[in-house]
């Protein structure tokens, strides 16, 4: 049972809208587990007709908690990336296949798996100035959370390649120009804007939304997630990844050897 002291994710209700909030920006085991479970709960609740996924403070999601990840790497690199199949993949499947609209309210920094989660939602709003990025190759990894497919679908293959290979961050305003987010709002107005859009969706034809989501869904999602998990497991054993994680935690620039 999760107590108030160790809560990493909260779920609140306003009418038929459920808002799931990440209370911590880094994806520790606690955050990932609680998020997975919260999404399964709202998906199964017929009284919930629309869902908002958001973060708290100045961050939506930083991606993997690298301090925790470093300890897992030291304990056994062969299983360090098992979190992809245990946590990330179920979270993405829950968001993408939920039989009701899911809106990401990107309140701040959104990188790595956090960006994958946002892209698994049906619609996205972002706070002005919020920065986003893929981040994976910067620590010697590749995409997870469905990002290898969802980013291509969102911005096209050429720009997706740039964003993944160069791992450069981009702004909410750029993301809107690329069609990745619907609207960019002042940070102070994001929560209200997301709530209004979610309430509009909750008042709509839920069954028609569910059927539409199913028709538009990526038919290869499970295969993509499986392939990403296998790739991350291989990369989790490389010297490049281990060295990059240590460099990140030491606030140093990583050096890659290709091994």
C-alpha atoms as a PDB file:
ATOM      1  CA  UNK A   1       0.000   0.000   0.000  1.00  0.00           C
ATOM      2  CA  UNK A   2       1.357   3.419  -0.980  1.00  0.00           C
ATOM      3  CA  UNK A   3       1.362   6.007   1.804  1.00  0.00           C
ATOM      4  CA  UNK A   4       1.294   9.779   1.400  1.00  0.00           C
ATOM      5  CA  UNK A   5       4.996   9.892   2.278  1.00  0.00           C
ATOM      6  CA  UNK A   6       6.093   7.585  -0.539  1.00  0.00           C
ATOM      7  CA  UNK A   7       3.536   8.599  -3.163  1.00  0.00           C
ATOM      8  CA  UNK A   8       5.283   9.295  -6.461  1.00  0.00           C
ATOM      9  CA  UNK A   9       2.140   9.603  -8.597  1.00  0.00           C
ATOM     10  CA  UNK A  10      -1.238  11.100  -7.744  1.00  0.00           C
ATOM     11  CA  UNK A  11      -4.644  10.665  -9.354  1.00  0.00           C
ATOM     12  CA  UNK A  12      -7.341  13.301  -8.938  1.00  0.00           C
ATOM     13  CA  UNK A  13     -10.859  13.532 -10.335  1.00  0.00           C
ATOM     14  CA  UNK A  14     -12.939  16.404 -11.664  1.00  0.00           C
ATOM     15  CA  UNK A  15     -16.206  15.017 -12.972  1.00  0.00           C
ATOM     16  CA  UNK A  16     -15.442  12.424 -15.643  1.00  0.00           C
ATOM     17  CA  UNK A  17     -11.820  13.601 -16.046  1.00  0.00           C
ATOM     18  CA  UNK A  18      -8.988  11.868 -14.198  1.00  0.00           C
ATOM     19  CA  UNK A  19      -5.654  13.663 -13.917  1.00  0.00           C
ATOM     20  CA  UNK A  20      -2.601  11.504 -13.315  1.00  0.00           C
ATOM     21  CA  UNK A  21       0.345  13.568 -12.058  1.00  0.00           C
ATOM     22  CA  UNK A  22       3.983  12.551 -11.810  1.00  0.00           C
ATOM     23  CA  UNK A  23       5.092  13.983  -8.465  1.00  0.00           C
ATOM     24  CA  UNK A  24       8.770  13.285  -9.163  1.00  0.00           C
ATOM     25  CA  UNK A  25      10.473  14.039 -12.482  1.00  0.00           C
ATOM     26  CA  UNK A  26      12.872  11.078 -12.514  1.00  0.00           C
ATOM     27  CA  UNK A  27      11.562   7.636 -13.406  1.00  0.00           C
ATOM     28  CA  UNK A  28      12.566   5.605 -10.388  1.00  0.00           C
ATOM     29  CA  UNK A  29      11.069   2.174  -9.824  1.00  0.00           C
ATOM     30  CA  UNK A  30       8.521   3.743  -7.479  1.00  0.00           C
ATOM     31  CA  UNK A  31       7.410   6.307 -10.065  1.00  0.00           C
ATOM     32  CA  UNK A  32       7.226   3.773 -12.901  1.00  0.00           C
ATOM     33  CA  UNK A  33       5.334   1.214 -10.854  1.00  0.00           C
ATOM     34  CA  UNK A  34       2.833   3.706  -9.494  1.00  0.00           C
ATOM     35  CA  UNK A  35       2.300   5.283 -12.917  1.00  0.00           C
ATOM     36  CA  UNK A  36       1.704   1.909 -14.550  1.00  0.00           C
ATOM     37  CA  UNK A  37      -0.801   0.964 -11.857  1.00  0.00           C
ATOM     38  CA  UNK A  38      -2.572   4.347 -11.923  1.00  0.00           C
ATOM     39  CA  UNK A  39      -3.048   4.162 -15.687  1.00  0.00           C
ATOM     40  CA  UNK A  40      -4.468   0.656 -15.454  1.00  0.00           C
ATOM     41  CA  UNK A  41      -6.914   1.861 -12.796  1.00  0.00           C
ATOM     42  CA  UNK A  42      -8.251   4.834 -14.761  1.00  0.00           C
ATOM     43  CA  UNK A  43      -8.417   2.737 -17.934  1.00  0.00           C
ATOM     44  CA  UNK A  44     -10.630   0.199 -16.186  1.00  0.00           C
ATOM     45  CA  UNK A  45     -12.904   2.790 -14.548  1.00  0.00           C
ATOM     46  CA  UNK A  46     -15.965   3.360 -16.764  1.00  0.00           C
ATOM     47  CA  UNK A  47     -16.798   6.596 -14.938  1.00  0.00           C
ATOM     48  CA  UNK A  48     -13.546   8.113 -16.262  1.00  0.00           C
ATOM     49  CA  UNK A  49     -14.145   9.375 -19.796  1.00  0.00           C
ATOM     50  CA  UNK A  50     -10.943  11.354 -20.376  1.00  0.00           C
ATOM     51  CA  UNK A  51      -7.489  11.357 -18.802  1.00  0.00           C
ATOM     52  CA  UNK A  52      -4.811  14.035 -18.377  1.00  0.00           C
ATOM     53  CA  UNK A  53      -1.189  13.012 -17.810  1.00  0.00           C
ATOM     54  CA  UNK A  54       1.031  15.753 -16.416  1.00  0.00           C
ATOM     55  CA  UNK A  55       3.995  16.483 -14.172  1.00  0.00           C
ATOM     56  CA  UNK A  56       4.613  18.774 -11.229  1.00  0.00           C
ATOM     57  CA  UNK A  57       6.766  21.828 -10.787  1.00  0.00           C
ATOM     58  CA  UNK A  58       8.978  22.694 -13.758  1.00  0.00           C
ATOM     59  CA  UNK A  59       9.237  19.181 -15.176  1.00  0.00           C
ATOM     60  CA  UNK A  60       6.935  16.779 -16.933  1.00  0.00           C
ATOM     61  CA  UNK A  61       9.427  13.898 -16.847  1.00  0.00           C
ATOM     62  CA  UNK A  62      13.242  13.704 -16.971  1.00  0.00           C
ATOM     63  CA  UNK A  63      13.207  10.073 -18.077  1.00  0.00           C
ATOM     64  CA  UNK A  64      15.063   7.321 -16.252  1.00  0.00           C
ATOM     65  CA  UNK A  65      16.379   8.102 -12.764  1.00  0.00           C
ATOM     66  CA  UNK A  66      20.068   7.636 -13.634  1.00  0.00           C
ATOM     67  CA  UNK A  67      21.300   7.577 -10.035  1.00  0.00           C
ATOM     68  CA  UNK A  68      19.087   4.576  -9.359  1.00  0.00           C
ATOM     69  CA  UNK A  69      19.948   3.103 -12.748  1.00  0.00           C
ATOM     70  CA  UNK A  70      23.682   3.310 -11.993  1.00  0.00           C
ATOM     71  CA  UNK A  71      23.186   1.156  -8.905  1.00  0.00           C
ATOM     72  CA  UNK A  72      21.239  -1.388 -10.945  1.00  0.00           C
ATOM     73  CA  UNK A  73      24.033  -1.438 -13.559  1.00  0.00           C
ATOM     74  CA  UNK A  74      26.612  -2.117 -10.858  1.00  0.00           C
ATOM     75  CA  UNK A  75      24.475  -4.942  -9.473  1.00  0.00           C
ATOM     76  CA  UNK A  76      24.101  -6.672 -12.831  1.00  0.00           C
ATOM     77  CA  UNK A  77      24.248  -5.136 -16.297  1.00  0.00           C
ATOM     78  CA  UNK A  78      22.519  -8.137 -17.903  1.00  0.00           C
ATOM     79  CA  UNK A  79      19.191  -7.214 -16.286  1.00  0.00           C
ATOM     80  CA  UNK A  80      19.633  -3.445 -15.866  1.00  0.00           C
ATOM     81  CA  UNK A  81      17.291  -2.618 -18.750  1.00  0.00           C
ATOM     82  CA  UNK A  82      14.571  -5.104 -17.800  1.00  0.00           C
ATOM     83  CA  UNK A  83      12.615  -2.048 -16.667  1.00  0.00           C
ATOM     84  CA  UNK A  84      11.784  -1.442 -20.336  1.00  0.00           C
ATOM     85  CA  UNK A  85       9.605  -4.543 -20.514  1.00  0.00           C
ATOM     86  CA  UNK A  86       8.479  -4.429 -16.888  1.00  0.00           C
ATOM     87  CA  UNK A  87       7.490  -0.769 -16.689  1.00  0.00           C
ATOM     88  CA  UNK A  88       7.914   1.357 -19.810  1.00  0.00           C
ATOM     89  CA  UNK A  89       6.166  -0.940 -22.258  1.00  0.00           C
ATOM     90  CA  UNK A  90       3.046  -1.494 -20.092  1.00  0.00           C
ATOM     91  CA  UNK A  91       2.814   2.263 -19.492  1.00  0.00           C
ATOM     92  CA  UNK A  92       2.950   3.030 -23.209  1.00  0.00           C
ATOM     93  CA  UNK A  93       0.446   0.291 -24.060  1.00  0.00           C
ATOM     94  CA  UNK A  94      -1.925   1.597 -21.373  1.00  0.00           C
ATOM     95  CA  UNK A  95      -1.750   5.130 -22.763  1.00  0.00           C
ATOM     96  CA  UNK A  96      -1.999   4.168 -26.429  1.00  0.00           C
ATOM     97  CA  UNK A  97      -4.785   1.604 -26.099  1.00  0.00           C
ATOM     98  CA  UNK A  98      -6.883   3.194 -23.369  1.00  0.00           C
ATOM     99  CA  UNK A  99     -10.508   3.227 -24.631  1.00  0.00           C
ATOM    100  CA  UNK A 100     -10.863   6.936 -23.848  1.00  0.00           C
ATOM    101  CA  UNK A 101      -8.939  10.069 -24.857  1.00  0.00           C
ATOM    102  CA  UNK A 102      -5.642  10.764 -23.094  1.00  0.00           C
ATOM    103  CA  UNK A 103      -4.152  14.251 -23.075  1.00  0.00           C
ATOM    104  CA  UNK A 104      -0.549  15.054 -22.118  1.00  0.00           C
ATOM    105  CA  UNK A 105      -0.133  18.426 -20.406  1.00  0.00           C
ATOM    106  CA  UNK A 106       3.613  18.968 -20.768  1.00  0.00           C
ATOM    107  CA  UNK A 107       4.306  21.438 -17.984  1.00  0.00           C
ATOM    108  CA  UNK A 108       8.082  21.490 -18.313  1.00  0.00           C
ATOM    109  CA  UNK A 109      11.162  19.457 -19.232  1.00  0.00           C
ATOM    110  CA  UNK A 110      10.146  16.324 -21.144  1.00  0.00           C
ATOM    111  CA  UNK A 111      12.921  14.004 -22.279  1.00  0.00           C
ATOM    112  CA  UNK A 112      13.719  10.354 -22.874  1.00  0.00           C
ATOM    113  CA  UNK A 113      10.962   8.005 -21.815  1.00  0.00           C
ATOM    114  CA  UNK A 114       8.992  11.074 -20.719  1.00  0.00           C
ATOM    115  CA  UNK A 115       8.785  12.152 -24.352  1.00  0.00           C
ATOM    116  CA  UNK A 116       7.783   8.605 -25.279  1.00  0.00           C
ATOM    117  CA  UNK A 117       4.935   8.744 -22.757  1.00  0.00           C
ATOM    118  CA  UNK A 118       3.753  12.109 -24.096  1.00  0.00           C
ATOM    119  CA  UNK A 119       3.750  10.762 -27.657  1.00  0.00           C
ATOM    120  CA  UNK A 120       1.742   7.725 -26.554  1.00  0.00           C
ATOM    121  CA  UNK A 121      -1.054  10.118 -25.531  1.00  0.00           C
ATOM    122  CA  UNK A 122      -3.654  11.169 -28.091  1.00  0.00           C
ATOM    123  CA  UNK A 123      -3.209  14.937 -27.775  1.00  0.00           C
ATOM    124  CA  UNK A 124      -0.543  17.167 -26.285  1.00  0.00           C
ATOM    125  CA  UNK A 125      -0.498  20.674 -24.836  1.00  0.00           C
ATOM    126  CA  UNK A 126       2.733  22.270 -23.634  1.00  0.00           C
ATOM    127  CA  UNK A 127       3.805  25.133 -21.437  1.00  0.00           C
ATOM    128  CA  UNK A 128       5.618  27.956 -23.196  1.00  0.00           C
ATOM    129  CA  UNK A 129       9.359  27.460 -22.985  1.00  0.00           C
ATOM    130  CA  UNK A 130       9.176  23.783 -22.039  1.00  0.00           C
ATOM    131  CA  UNK A 131      12.153  21.892 -23.426  1.00  0.00           C
ATOM    132  CA  UNK A 132      11.942  18.403 -24.892  1.00  0.00           C
ATOM    133  CA  UNK A 133      14.385  15.878 -26.262  1.00  0.00           C
ATOM    134  CA  UNK A 134      15.090  12.225 -26.914  1.00  0.00           C
ATOM    135  CA  UNK A 135      18.302  12.074 -24.816  1.00  0.00           C
ATOM    136  CA  UNK A 136      18.927   8.349 -25.339  1.00  0.00           C
ATOM    137  CA  UNK A 137      22.059   8.428 -27.488  1.00  0.00           C
ATOM    138  CA  UNK A 138      23.627  10.938 -25.110  1.00  0.00           C
ATOM    139  CA  UNK A 139      24.002   8.070 -22.621  1.00  0.00           C
ATOM    140  CA  UNK A 140      24.767   5.333 -25.129  1.00  0.00           C
ATOM    141  CA  UNK A 141      21.241   3.972 -25.464  1.00  0.00           C
ATOM    142  CA  UNK A 142      18.553   3.941 -28.140  1.00  0.00           C
ATOM    143  CA  UNK A 143      14.829   4.661 -28.065  1.00  0.00           C
ATOM    144  CA  UNK A 144      12.339   3.023 -25.754  1.00  0.00           C
ATOM    145  CA  UNK A 145       8.725   3.730 -24.780  1.00  0.00           C
ATOM    146  CA  UNK A 146       7.686   3.365 -28.421  1.00  0.00           C
ATOM    147  CA  UNK A 147       9.596   6.494 -29.378  1.00  0.00           C
ATOM    148  CA  UNK A 148      11.314   4.859 -32.358  1.00  0.00           C
ATOM    149  CA  UNK A 149       7.914   4.647 -34.059  1.00  0.00           C
ATOM    150  CA  UNK A 150       5.836   7.389 -32.449  1.00  0.00           C
ATOM    151  CA  UNK A 151       8.395  10.130 -33.099  1.00  0.00           C
ATOM    152  CA  UNK A 152       8.615   9.196 -36.780  1.00  0.00           C
ATOM    153  CA  UNK A 153       4.823   9.282 -37.013  1.00  0.00           C
ATOM    154  CA  UNK A 154       4.698  12.650 -35.285  1.00  0.00           C
ATOM    155  CA  UNK A 155       7.454  14.600 -37.063  1.00  0.00           C
ATOM    156  CA  UNK A 156       8.573  12.476 -40.029  1.00  0.00           C
ATOM    157  CA  UNK A 157      11.578  10.221 -40.498  1.00  0.00           C
ATOM    158  CA  UNK A 158      14.132  12.899 -41.373  1.00  0.00           C
ATOM    159  CA  UNK A 159      13.505  15.113 -38.349  1.00  0.00           C
ATOM    160  CA  UNK A 160      13.124  12.079 -36.090  1.00  0.00           C
ATOM    161  CA  UNK A 161      16.576  10.894 -37.151  1.00  0.00           C
ATOM    162  CA  UNK A 162      18.039  14.299 -36.281  1.00  0.00           C
ATOM    163  CA  UNK A 163      16.363  14.345 -32.878  1.00  0.00           C
ATOM    164  CA  UNK A 164      17.473  10.815 -31.990  1.00  0.00           C
ATOM    165  CA  UNK A 165      20.997  10.791 -33.401  1.00  0.00           C
ATOM    166  CA  UNK A 166      21.980  14.282 -32.294  1.00  0.00           C
ATOM    167  CA  UNK A 167      19.971  14.176 -29.050  1.00  0.00           C
ATOM    168  CA  UNK A 168      19.466  17.938 -29.245  1.00  0.00           C
ATOM    169  CA  UNK A 169      16.699  19.484 -27.184  1.00  0.00           C
ATOM    170  CA  UNK A 170      13.892  21.491 -28.740  1.00  0.00           C
ATOM    171  CA  UNK A 171      11.284  23.904 -27.445  1.00  0.00           C
ATOM    172  CA  UNK A 172       7.553  23.592 -27.056  1.00  0.00           C
ATOM    173  CA  UNK A 173       7.211  26.246 -29.735  1.00  0.00           C
ATOM    174  CA  UNK A 174       9.267  24.175 -32.185  1.00  0.00           C
ATOM    175  CA  UNK A 175       7.229  21.123 -31.287  1.00  0.00           C
ATOM    176  CA  UNK A 176       4.028  22.999 -32.105  1.00  0.00           C
ATOM    177  CA  UNK A 177       5.430  24.021 -35.467  1.00  0.00           C
ATOM    178  CA  UNK A 178       6.193  20.385 -36.243  1.00  0.00           C
ATOM    179  CA  UNK A 179       2.690  19.284 -35.244  1.00  0.00           C
ATOM    180  CA  UNK A 180       3.914  17.406 -32.172  1.00  0.00           C
ATOM    181  CA  UNK A 181       1.805  19.479 -29.767  1.00  0.00           C
ATOM    182  CA  UNK A 182      -1.629  21.027 -30.344  1.00  0.00           C
ATOM    183  CA  UNK A 183      -1.167  24.270 -28.389  1.00  0.00           C
ATOM    184  CA  UNK A 184       1.503  26.104 -26.411  1.00  0.00           C
ATOM    185  CA  UNK A 185       0.107  27.994 -23.435  1.00  0.00           C
ATOM    186  CA  UNK A 186       1.618  30.207 -20.736  1.00  0.00           C
ATOM    187  CA  UNK A 187       2.747  27.936 -17.904  1.00  0.00           C
ATOM    188  CA  UNK A 188       0.187  29.440 -15.515  1.00  0.00           C
ATOM    189  CA  UNK A 189      -2.636  28.603 -17.944  1.00  0.00           C
ATOM    190  CA  UNK A 190      -1.634  25.067 -18.905  1.00  0.00           C
ATOM    191  CA  UNK A 191      -3.535  23.191 -16.206  1.00  0.00           C
ATOM    192  CA  UNK A 192      -6.772  25.073 -16.901  1.00  0.00           C
ATOM    193  CA  UNK A 193      -6.338  24.664 -20.648  1.00  0.00           C
ATOM    194  CA  UNK A 194      -5.780  20.934 -20.288  1.00  0.00           C
ATOM    195  CA  UNK A 195      -8.741  20.589 -17.939  1.00  0.00           C
ATOM    196  CA  UNK A 196     -11.030  22.426 -20.366  1.00  0.00           C
ATOM    197  CA  UNK A 197      -9.969  20.301 -23.333  1.00  0.00           C
ATOM    198  CA  UNK A 198     -10.259  17.096 -21.315  1.00  0.00           C
ATOM    199  CA  UNK A 199     -13.745  18.103 -20.090  1.00  0.00           C
ATOM    200  CA  UNK A 200     -14.761  18.725 -23.698  1.00  0.00           C
ATOM    201  CA  UNK A 201     -13.562  15.247 -24.646  1.00  0.00           C
ATOM    202  CA  UNK A 202     -15.212  13.673 -21.598  1.00  0.00           C
ATOM    203  CA  UNK A 203     -18.541  15.103 -22.734  1.00  0.00           C
ATOM    204  CA  UNK A 204     -18.110  13.583 -26.190  1.00  0.00           C
ATOM    205  CA  UNK A 205     -18.927  10.179 -27.707  1.00  0.00           C
ATOM    206  CA  UNK A 206     -16.589   7.957 -25.693  1.00  0.00           C
ATOM    207  CA  UNK A 207     -17.378   4.818 -27.670  1.00  0.00           C
ATOM    208  CA  UNK A 208     -16.655   6.588 -30.950  1.00  0.00           C
ATOM    209  CA  UNK A 209     -13.385   7.888 -29.523  1.00  0.00           C
ATOM    210  CA  UNK A 210     -12.406   4.378 -28.439  1.00  0.00           C
ATOM    211  CA  UNK A 211     -13.172   2.909 -31.862  1.00  0.00           C
ATOM    212  CA  UNK A 212     -11.305   5.747 -33.576  1.00  0.00           C
ATOM    213  CA  UNK A 213      -8.251   5.220 -31.376  1.00  0.00           C
ATOM    214  CA  UNK A 214      -8.251   1.529 -32.204  1.00  0.00           C
ATOM    215  CA  UNK A 215      -8.452   2.232 -35.939  1.00  0.00           C
ATOM    216  CA  UNK A 216      -5.654   4.799 -35.858  1.00  0.00           C
ATOM    217  CA  UNK A 217      -3.383   2.806 -33.530  1.00  0.00           C
ATOM    218  CA  UNK A 218       0.051   1.674 -34.658  1.00  0.00           C
ATOM    219  CA  UNK A 219      -0.547  -1.972 -35.666  1.00  0.00           C
ATOM    220  CA  UNK A 220       3.087  -2.768 -34.930  1.00  0.00           C
ATOM    221  CA  UNK A 221       3.254  -1.239 -31.434  1.00  0.00           C
ATOM    222  CA  UNK A 222       3.899  -4.508 -29.605  1.00  0.00           C
ATOM    223  CA  UNK A 223       6.611  -5.499 -32.084  1.00  0.00           C
ATOM    224  CA  UNK A 224       8.227  -2.059 -31.771  1.00  0.00           C
ATOM    225  CA  UNK A 225       8.240  -2.219 -27.981  1.00  0.00           C
ATOM    226  CA  UNK A 226       9.678  -5.730 -28.030  1.00  0.00           C
ATOM    227  CA  UNK A 227      12.453  -4.700 -30.416  1.00  0.00           C
ATOM    228  CA  UNK A 228      13.256  -1.605 -28.341  1.00  0.00           C
ATOM    229  CA  UNK A 229      13.463  -3.704 -25.184  1.00  0.00           C
ATOM    230  CA  UNK A 230      15.904  -6.129 -26.816  1.00  0.00           C
ATOM    231  CA  UNK A 231      18.042  -3.275 -28.169  1.00  0.00           C
ATOM    232  CA  UNK A 232      18.175  -1.534 -24.802  1.00  0.00           C
ATOM    233  CA  UNK A 233      19.164  -4.799 -23.109  1.00  0.00           C
ATOM    234  CA  UNK A 234      22.097  -5.164 -25.518  1.00  0.00           C
ATOM    235  CA  UNK A 235      23.189  -1.548 -25.071  1.00  0.00           C
ATOM    236  CA  UNK A 236      22.874  -1.811 -21.304  1.00  0.00           C
ATOM    237  CA  UNK A 237      25.878  -4.128 -21.354  1.00  0.00           C
ATOM    238  CA  UNK A 238      28.146  -1.785 -23.338  1.00  0.00           C
ATOM    239  CA  UNK A 239      31.097   0.156 -21.988  1.00  0.00           C
ATOM    240  CA  UNK A 240      29.739   3.256 -23.736  1.00  0.00           C
ATOM    241  CA  UNK A 241      26.535   3.194 -21.707  1.00  0.00           C
ATOM    242  CA  UNK A 242      28.231   2.465 -18.380  1.00  0.00           C
ATOM    243  CA  UNK A 243      30.760   5.232 -18.943  1.00  0.00           C
ATOM    244  CA  UNK A 244      28.120   7.723 -20.073  1.00  0.00           C
ATOM    245  CA  UNK A 245      26.005   7.145 -16.969  1.00  0.00           C
ATOM    246  CA  UNK A 246      29.026   7.693 -14.719  1.00  0.00           C
ATOM    247  CA  UNK A 247      29.924  10.843 -16.657  1.00  0.00           C
ATOM    248  CA  UNK A 248      26.381  12.192 -16.410  1.00  0.00           C
ATOM    249  CA  UNK A 249      26.289  11.711 -12.652  1.00  0.00           C
ATOM    250  CA  UNK A 250      29.729  13.334 -12.335  1.00  0.00           C
ATOM    251  CA  UNK A 251      28.566  16.216 -14.553  1.00  0.00           C
ATOM    252  CA  UNK A 252      31.300  15.409 -17.071  1.00  0.00           C
ATOM    253  CA  UNK A 253      31.202  15.043 -20.840  1.00  0.00           C
ATOM    254  CA  UNK A 254      31.076  11.366 -21.853  1.00  0.00           C
ATOM    255  CA  UNK A 255      33.578   9.785 -24.181  1.00  0.00           C
ATOM    256  CA  UNK A 256      32.380   7.001 -26.515  1.00  0.00           C
ATOM    257  CA  UNK A 257      34.481   4.204 -27.994  1.00  0.00           C
ATOM    258  CA  UNK A 258      31.738   2.336 -29.856  1.00  0.00           C
ATOM    259  CA  UNK A 259      32.013  -0.644 -27.518  1.00  0.00           C
END
